Amino acid sequence: MKKIKYNSDVDALLVELNDLPIDYAEQFEDLIIHYTKEGLPVLLEVLGAKKLSLNIFDSIVNNREVVFG
């Protein structure tokens, strides 16, 4: 993993996996995955990151399954 950044303007967590050139992206609910021409993932964008983070920590503290979406 190369870099993780949080963008508070749009409440998104950006996880940079490598420096390869991005060709296209696909969105799955609150997750956008950017890919190379060959289909390798380059960048993950987690939208609504604050809510997701709170849900993850709540699930850990209360020993519950993490539910996305």
N, C-alpha and C. Protein backbone atom coordinates (compact mmCIF):
# COMPACT_ATOMS: atom_id res chain seq x y z
N MET A 1 0.86 -1.17 0.00
CA MET A 1 0.00 0.00 0.00
C MET A 1 0.91 1.23 0.00
N LYS A 2 0.58 2.15 -0.87
CA LYS A 2 1.41 3.34 -1.02
C LYS A 2 1.04 4.48 -0.09
N LYS A 3 -0.24 4.84 -0.10
CA LYS A 3 -0.65 6.03 0.63
C LYS A 3 -2.13 5.96 0.98
N ILE A 4 -2.47 6.50 2.14
CA ILE A 4 -3.88 6.63 2.54
C ILE A 4 -4.10 8.09 2.89
N LYS A 5 -5.15 8.69 2.30
CA LYS A 5 -5.48 10.09 2.57
C LYS A 5 -6.98 10.19 2.84
N TYR A 6 -7.33 11.20 3.62
CA TYR A 6 -8.74 11.49 3.88
C TYR A 6 -9.05 12.86 3.31
N ASN A 7 -10.12 12.96 2.52
CA ASN A 7 -10.55 14.23 1.96
C ASN A 7 -11.83 14.65 2.68
N SER A 8 -11.71 15.62 3.57
CA SER A 8 -12.86 16.05 4.38
C SER A 8 -13.90 16.82 3.56
N ASP A 9 -13.47 17.41 2.44
CA ASP A 9 -14.43 18.14 1.60
C ASP A 9 -15.53 17.24 1.07
N VAL A 10 -15.18 16.00 0.75
CA VAL A 10 -16.17 15.07 0.19
C VAL A 10 -16.36 13.84 1.07
N ASP A 11 -15.75 13.82 2.26
CA ASP A 11 -15.83 12.71 3.21
C ASP A 11 -15.47 11.39 2.53
N ALA A 12 -14.28 11.36 1.94
CA ALA A 12 -13.82 10.16 1.24
C ALA A 12 -12.44 9.75 1.72
N LEU A 13 -12.26 8.45 1.88
CA LEU A 13 -10.97 7.88 2.21
C LEU A 13 -10.36 7.38 0.91
N LEU A 14 -9.14 7.82 0.60
CA LEU A 14 -8.47 7.43 -0.64
C LEU A 14 -7.31 6.51 -0.29
N VAL A 15 -7.33 5.31 -0.84
CA VAL A 15 -6.28 4.33 -0.59
C VAL A 15 -5.55 4.09 -1.91
N GLU A 16 -4.34 4.63 -1.99
CA GLU A 16 -3.53 4.50 -3.20
C GLU A 16 -2.72 3.21 -3.09
N LEU A 17 -2.95 2.30 -4.02
CA LEU A 17 -2.30 1.00 -3.98
C LEU A 17 -0.96 0.97 -4.71
N ASN A 18 -0.86 1.79 -5.78
CA ASN A 18 0.37 1.85 -6.56
C ASN A 18 0.35 3.10 -7.44
N ASP A 19 1.38 3.27 -8.25
CA ASP A 19 1.50 4.46 -9.11
C ASP A 19 1.14 4.19 -10.56
N LEU A 20 0.52 3.07 -10.84
CA LEU A 20 0.19 2.73 -12.22
C LEU A 20 -0.84 3.69 -12.79
N PRO A 21 -0.85 3.91 -14.10
CA PRO A 21 -1.83 4.83 -14.69
C PRO A 21 -3.25 4.27 -14.62
N ILE A 22 -4.19 5.15 -14.30
CA ILE A 22 -5.60 4.76 -14.19
C ILE A 22 -6.26 4.87 -15.55
N ASP A 23 -7.01 3.85 -15.91
CA ASP A 23 -7.70 3.83 -17.20
C ASP A 23 -9.21 3.98 -17.03
N TYR A 24 -9.77 3.35 -16.00
CA TYR A 24 -11.22 3.41 -15.80
C TYR A 24 -11.54 3.14 -14.33
N ALA A 25 -12.80 3.38 -13.96
CA ALA A 25 -13.25 3.16 -12.57
C ALA A 25 -14.62 2.51 -12.58
N GLU A 26 -14.90 1.77 -11.51
CA GLU A 26 -16.21 1.17 -11.30
C GLU A 26 -16.68 1.52 -9.90
N GLN A 27 -17.97 1.80 -9.76
CA GLN A 27 -18.52 2.13 -8.44
C GLN A 27 -19.43 1.02 -7.97
N PHE A 28 -19.24 0.62 -6.71
CA PHE A 28 -20.05 -0.38 -6.04
C PHE A 28 -20.56 0.27 -4.75
N GLU A 29 -21.77 0.81 -4.80
CA GLU A 29 -22.34 1.56 -3.68
C GLU A 29 -21.38 2.67 -3.26
N ASP A 30 -20.81 2.61 -2.06
CA ASP A 30 -19.95 3.67 -1.54
C ASP A 30 -18.46 3.41 -1.77
N LEU A 31 -18.15 2.54 -2.71
CA LEU A 31 -16.76 2.22 -3.02
C LEU A 31 -16.52 2.41 -4.51
N ILE A 32 -15.50 3.20 -4.85
CA ILE A 32 -15.10 3.38 -6.24
C ILE A 32 -13.69 2.79 -6.37
N ILE A 33 -13.54 1.88 -7.34
CA ILE A 33 -12.25 1.25 -7.58
C ILE A 33 -11.75 1.72 -8.94
N HIS A 34 -10.54 2.27 -8.96
CA HIS A 34 -9.90 2.73 -10.19
C HIS A 34 -8.92 1.64 -10.64
N TYR A 35 -8.96 1.33 -11.94
CA TYR A 35 -8.17 0.23 -12.49
C TYR A 35 -7.24 0.69 -13.61
N THR A 36 -6.21 -0.12 -13.86
CA THR A 36 -5.36 0.07 -15.04
C THR A 36 -6.08 -0.52 -16.25
N LYS A 37 -5.51 -0.32 -17.42
CA LYS A 37 -6.05 -0.89 -18.65
C LYS A 37 -6.12 -2.42 -18.55
N GLU A 38 -5.20 -3.01 -17.78
CA GLU A 38 -5.13 -4.46 -17.62
C GLU A 38 -6.06 -4.98 -16.54
N GLY A 39 -6.76 -4.08 -15.84
CA GLY A 39 -7.70 -4.49 -14.80
C GLY A 39 -7.11 -4.60 -13.41
N LEU A 40 -5.91 -4.06 -13.19
CA LEU A 40 -5.31 -4.08 -11.86
C LEU A 40 -5.82 -2.89 -11.05
N PRO A 41 -6.20 -3.08 -9.79
CA PRO A 41 -6.66 -1.95 -8.98
C PRO A 41 -5.51 -1.01 -8.64
N VAL A 42 -5.79 0.29 -8.74
CA VAL A 42 -4.79 1.32 -8.48
C VAL A 42 -5.17 2.17 -7.27
N LEU A 43 -6.45 2.55 -7.20
CA LEU A 43 -6.92 3.47 -6.17
C LEU A 43 -8.30 3.05 -5.69
N LEU A 44 -8.50 3.06 -4.38
CA LEU A 44 -9.81 2.80 -3.79
C LEU A 44 -10.32 4.10 -3.18
N GLU A 45 -11.56 4.45 -3.47
CA GLU A 45 -12.20 5.61 -2.85
C GLU A 45 -13.37 5.10 -2.02
N VAL A 46 -13.32 5.34 -0.73
CA VAL A 46 -14.41 4.95 0.16
C VAL A 46 -15.21 6.21 0.46
N LEU A 47 -16.43 6.29 -0.07
CA LEU A 47 -17.29 7.44 0.14
C LEU A 47 -18.03 7.30 1.47
N GLY A 48 -18.32 8.40 2.14
CA GLY A 48 -18.98 8.34 3.45
C GLY A 48 -18.08 7.70 4.48
N ALA A 49 -16.81 8.08 4.46
CA ALA A 49 -15.79 7.43 5.29
C ALA A 49 -16.03 7.60 6.79
N LYS A 50 -16.53 8.75 7.21
CA LYS A 50 -16.77 8.96 8.65
C LYS A 50 -17.78 7.96 9.19
N LYS A 51 -18.89 7.81 8.49
CA LYS A 51 -19.94 6.88 8.93
C LYS A 51 -19.42 5.45 8.92
N LEU A 52 -18.68 5.09 7.88
CA LEU A 52 -18.13 3.74 7.80
C LEU A 52 -17.16 3.49 8.95
N SER A 53 -16.29 4.45 9.24
CA SER A 53 -15.33 4.30 10.33
C SER A 53 -16.04 4.11 11.66
N LEU A 54 -17.06 4.91 11.90
CA LEU A 54 -17.82 4.77 13.15
C LEU A 54 -18.49 3.41 13.24
N ASN A 55 -19.04 2.93 12.12
CA ASN A 55 -19.68 1.61 12.11
C ASN A 55 -18.67 0.50 12.39
N ILE A 56 -17.47 0.63 11.82
CA ILE A 56 -16.43 -0.38 12.05
C ILE A 56 -16.02 -0.40 13.51
N PHE A 57 -15.74 0.77 14.09
CA PHE A 57 -15.32 0.81 15.49
C PHE A 57 -16.44 0.33 16.42
N ASP A 58 -17.68 0.69 16.13
CA ASP A 58 -18.81 0.24 16.93
C ASP A 58 -18.92 -1.29 16.87
N SER A 59 -18.74 -1.84 15.70
CA SER A 59 -18.81 -3.30 15.54
C SER A 59 -17.69 -4.00 16.30
N ILE A 60 -16.49 -3.41 16.28
CA ILE A 60 -15.37 -4.00 17.01
C ILE A 60 -15.62 -3.96 18.51
N VAL A 61 -16.03 -2.80 19.00
CA VAL A 61 -16.26 -2.63 20.45
C VAL A 61 -17.38 -3.55 20.93
N ASN A 62 -18.42 -3.68 20.13
CA ASN A 62 -19.59 -4.47 20.53
C ASN A 62 -19.56 -5.89 19.98
N ASN A 63 -18.42 -6.29 19.39
CA ASN A 63 -18.23 -7.64 18.89
C ASN A 63 -19.35 -8.06 17.93
N ARG A 64 -19.64 -7.17 16.96
CA ARG A 64 -20.67 -7.45 15.96
C ARG A 64 -20.05 -7.46 14.57
N GLU A 65 -20.79 -8.04 13.65
CA GLU A 65 -20.37 -8.05 12.25
C GLU A 65 -20.42 -6.66 11.66
N VAL A 66 -19.43 -6.31 10.86
CA VAL A 66 -19.43 -5.01 10.18
C VAL A 66 -20.34 -5.10 8.96
N VAL A 67 -21.28 -4.15 8.86
CA VAL A 67 -22.22 -4.11 7.75
C VAL A 67 -21.93 -2.89 6.89
N PHE A 68 -21.68 -3.11 5.62
CA PHE A 68 -21.39 -2.02 4.69
C PHE A 68 -22.65 -1.67 3.93
N GLY A 69 -22.73 -0.37 3.54
CA GLY A 69 -23.85 0.06 2.69
C GLY A 69 -25.00 0.65 3.44
